Amino acid sequence: MAHVIGEDCTSCGACADSCPVEAISEGDERYEIDADTCTDCGACVDACPVGAISEG
């Protein structure tokens, strides 16, 4: 199951920069993870400075 970005997201972009498969893009309110592209590697979880990313 893909990771998800919660409401705590500050739209800093650190997660998108860390994603090896480019599954993360800027959404209307916060960054979003494309579940079909996400490989569940967890790199974004470690990169998020506010802990806004969790397993979906």
N, C-alpha and C. Protein backbone atom coordinates (compact mmCIF):
# COMPACT_ATOMS: atom_id res chain seq x y z
N MET A 1 0.84 -1.18 0.00
CA MET A 1 0.00 0.00 0.00
C MET A 1 0.89 1.25 0.00
N ALA A 2 0.53 2.20 -0.77
CA ALA A 2 1.32 3.42 -0.91
C ALA A 2 1.29 4.27 0.36
N HIS A 3 2.31 5.07 0.50
CA HIS A 3 2.34 6.02 1.61
C HIS A 3 1.41 7.19 1.29
N VAL A 4 0.98 7.89 2.34
CA VAL A 4 0.10 9.05 2.17
C VAL A 4 0.68 10.24 2.92
N ILE A 5 0.38 11.42 2.43
CA ILE A 5 0.84 12.66 3.05
C ILE A 5 -0.34 13.29 3.77
N GLY A 6 -0.19 13.52 5.05
CA GLY A 6 -1.27 14.05 5.88
C GLY A 6 -1.33 15.57 5.91
N GLU A 7 -2.26 16.07 6.70
CA GLU A 7 -2.53 17.50 6.81
C GLU A 7 -1.38 18.30 7.41
N ASP A 8 -0.44 17.64 8.06
CA ASP A 8 0.70 18.35 8.66
C ASP A 8 1.71 18.81 7.62
N CYS A 9 1.53 18.42 6.37
CA CYS A 9 2.45 18.78 5.28
C CYS A 9 2.58 20.29 5.17
N THR A 10 3.83 20.75 5.10
CA THR A 10 4.10 22.19 4.96
C THR A 10 4.49 22.56 3.53
N SER A 11 4.39 21.61 2.61
CA SER A 11 4.72 21.81 1.19
C SER A 11 6.16 22.28 0.97
N CYS A 12 7.08 21.70 1.74
CA CYS A 12 8.49 22.08 1.62
C CYS A 12 9.16 21.41 0.41
N GLY A 13 8.61 20.26 -0.04
CA GLY A 13 9.16 19.57 -1.20
C GLY A 13 10.25 18.57 -0.90
N ALA A 14 10.63 18.40 0.35
CA ALA A 14 11.70 17.46 0.70
C ALA A 14 11.33 16.04 0.29
N CYS A 15 10.09 15.67 0.43
CA CYS A 15 9.65 14.32 0.07
C CYS A 15 9.79 14.08 -1.43
N ALA A 16 9.37 15.04 -2.23
CA ALA A 16 9.45 14.90 -3.68
C ALA A 16 10.90 14.77 -4.14
N ASP A 17 11.78 15.53 -3.51
CA ASP A 17 13.20 15.46 -3.87
C ASP A 17 13.81 14.10 -3.52
N SER A 18 13.25 13.43 -2.51
CA SER A 18 13.82 12.16 -2.06
C SER A 18 13.25 10.94 -2.78
N CYS A 19 12.15 11.10 -3.50
CA CYS A 19 11.47 9.96 -4.12
C CYS A 19 12.23 9.46 -5.35
N PRO A 20 12.69 8.20 -5.32
CA PRO A 20 13.46 7.66 -6.45
C PRO A 20 12.63 7.35 -7.69
N VAL A 21 11.30 7.27 -7.55
CA VAL A 21 10.45 6.95 -8.69
C VAL A 21 9.55 8.12 -9.09
N GLU A 22 9.80 9.28 -8.52
CA GLU A 22 9.05 10.50 -8.83
C GLU A 22 7.54 10.33 -8.68
N ALA A 23 7.12 9.69 -7.58
CA ALA A 23 5.71 9.45 -7.32
C ALA A 23 5.05 10.60 -6.58
N ILE A 24 5.82 11.61 -6.19
CA ILE A 24 5.29 12.70 -5.38
C ILE A 24 5.27 13.99 -6.18
N SER A 25 4.12 14.66 -6.12
CA SER A 25 3.98 15.93 -6.83
C SER A 25 3.21 16.92 -5.97
N GLU A 26 3.32 18.19 -6.33
CA GLU A 26 2.65 19.23 -5.57
C GLU A 26 1.16 19.23 -5.91
N GLY A 27 0.33 19.12 -4.88
CA GLY A 27 -1.11 19.15 -5.06
C GLY A 27 -1.66 20.53 -4.74
N ASP A 28 -2.97 20.65 -4.69
CA ASP A 28 -3.61 21.94 -4.42
C ASP A 28 -3.33 22.43 -3.00
N GLU A 29 -3.45 21.55 -2.02
CA GLU A 29 -3.27 21.95 -0.62
C GLU A 29 -1.97 21.47 -0.02
N ARG A 30 -1.43 20.37 -0.54
CA ARG A 30 -0.18 19.79 -0.03
C ARG A 30 0.36 18.83 -1.09
N TYR A 31 1.53 18.30 -0.86
CA TYR A 31 2.10 17.34 -1.80
C TYR A 31 1.26 16.05 -1.77
N GLU A 32 1.27 15.32 -2.88
CA GLU A 32 0.49 14.10 -3.01
C GLU A 32 1.36 12.97 -3.54
N ILE A 33 1.04 11.75 -3.14
CA ILE A 33 1.77 10.57 -3.61
C ILE A 33 0.87 9.78 -4.55
N ASP A 34 1.37 9.48 -5.74
CA ASP A 34 0.65 8.66 -6.71
C ASP A 34 0.77 7.21 -6.28
N ALA A 35 -0.32 6.62 -5.83
CA ALA A 35 -0.32 5.26 -5.30
C ALA A 35 0.11 4.23 -6.34
N ASP A 36 -0.16 4.49 -7.60
CA ASP A 36 0.20 3.55 -8.65
C ASP A 36 1.70 3.54 -8.94
N THR A 37 2.37 4.63 -8.62
CA THR A 37 3.81 4.76 -8.88
C THR A 37 4.65 4.45 -7.65
N CYS A 38 4.12 4.72 -6.48
CA CYS A 38 4.84 4.52 -5.21
C CYS A 38 5.27 3.07 -5.04
N THR A 39 6.54 2.86 -4.66
CA THR A 39 7.07 1.52 -4.43
C THR A 39 7.22 1.20 -2.95
N ASP A 40 6.73 2.07 -2.08
CA ASP A 40 6.80 1.88 -0.63
C ASP A 40 8.22 1.76 -0.10
N CYS A 41 9.14 2.49 -0.70
CA CYS A 41 10.54 2.41 -0.25
C CYS A 41 10.75 3.14 1.08
N GLY A 42 9.91 4.13 1.39
CA GLY A 42 10.01 4.84 2.66
C GLY A 42 10.97 6.01 2.67
N ALA A 43 11.59 6.32 1.56
CA ALA A 43 12.54 7.44 1.52
C ALA A 43 11.86 8.75 1.89
N CYS A 44 10.62 8.93 1.49
CA CYS A 44 9.89 10.16 1.77
C CYS A 44 9.60 10.31 3.27
N VAL A 45 9.36 9.19 3.93
CA VAL A 45 9.08 9.22 5.36
C VAL A 45 10.28 9.78 6.11
N ASP A 46 11.47 9.31 5.75
CA ASP A 46 12.70 9.78 6.39
C ASP A 46 13.01 11.22 6.03
N ALA A 47 12.61 11.67 4.85
CA ALA A 47 12.93 13.02 4.39
C ALA A 47 11.99 14.08 4.95
N CYS A 48 10.80 13.71 5.35
CA CYS A 48 9.80 14.69 5.80
C CYS A 48 10.20 15.28 7.16
N PRO A 49 10.43 16.59 7.23
CA PRO A 49 10.87 17.20 8.49
C PRO A 49 9.77 17.33 9.54
N VAL A 50 8.52 17.18 9.15
CA VAL A 50 7.41 17.33 10.12
C VAL A 50 6.65 16.02 10.37
N GLY A 51 7.12 14.93 9.79
CA GLY A 51 6.50 13.62 10.02
C GLY A 51 5.09 13.50 9.46
N ALA A 52 4.83 14.14 8.32
CA ALA A 52 3.49 14.16 7.75
C ALA A 52 3.18 12.95 6.86
N ILE A 53 4.15 12.05 6.67
CA ILE A 53 3.95 10.92 5.76
C ILE A 53 3.85 9.62 6.56
N SER A 54 2.84 8.83 6.22
CA SER A 54 2.66 7.55 6.89
C SER A 54 2.23 6.51 5.87
N GLU A 55 2.21 5.24 6.30
CA GLU A 55 1.76 4.18 5.42
C GLU A 55 0.26 4.30 5.25
N GLY A 56 -0.20 4.13 4.01
CA GLY A 56 -1.62 4.27 3.71
C GLY A 56 -2.37 3.13 4.13
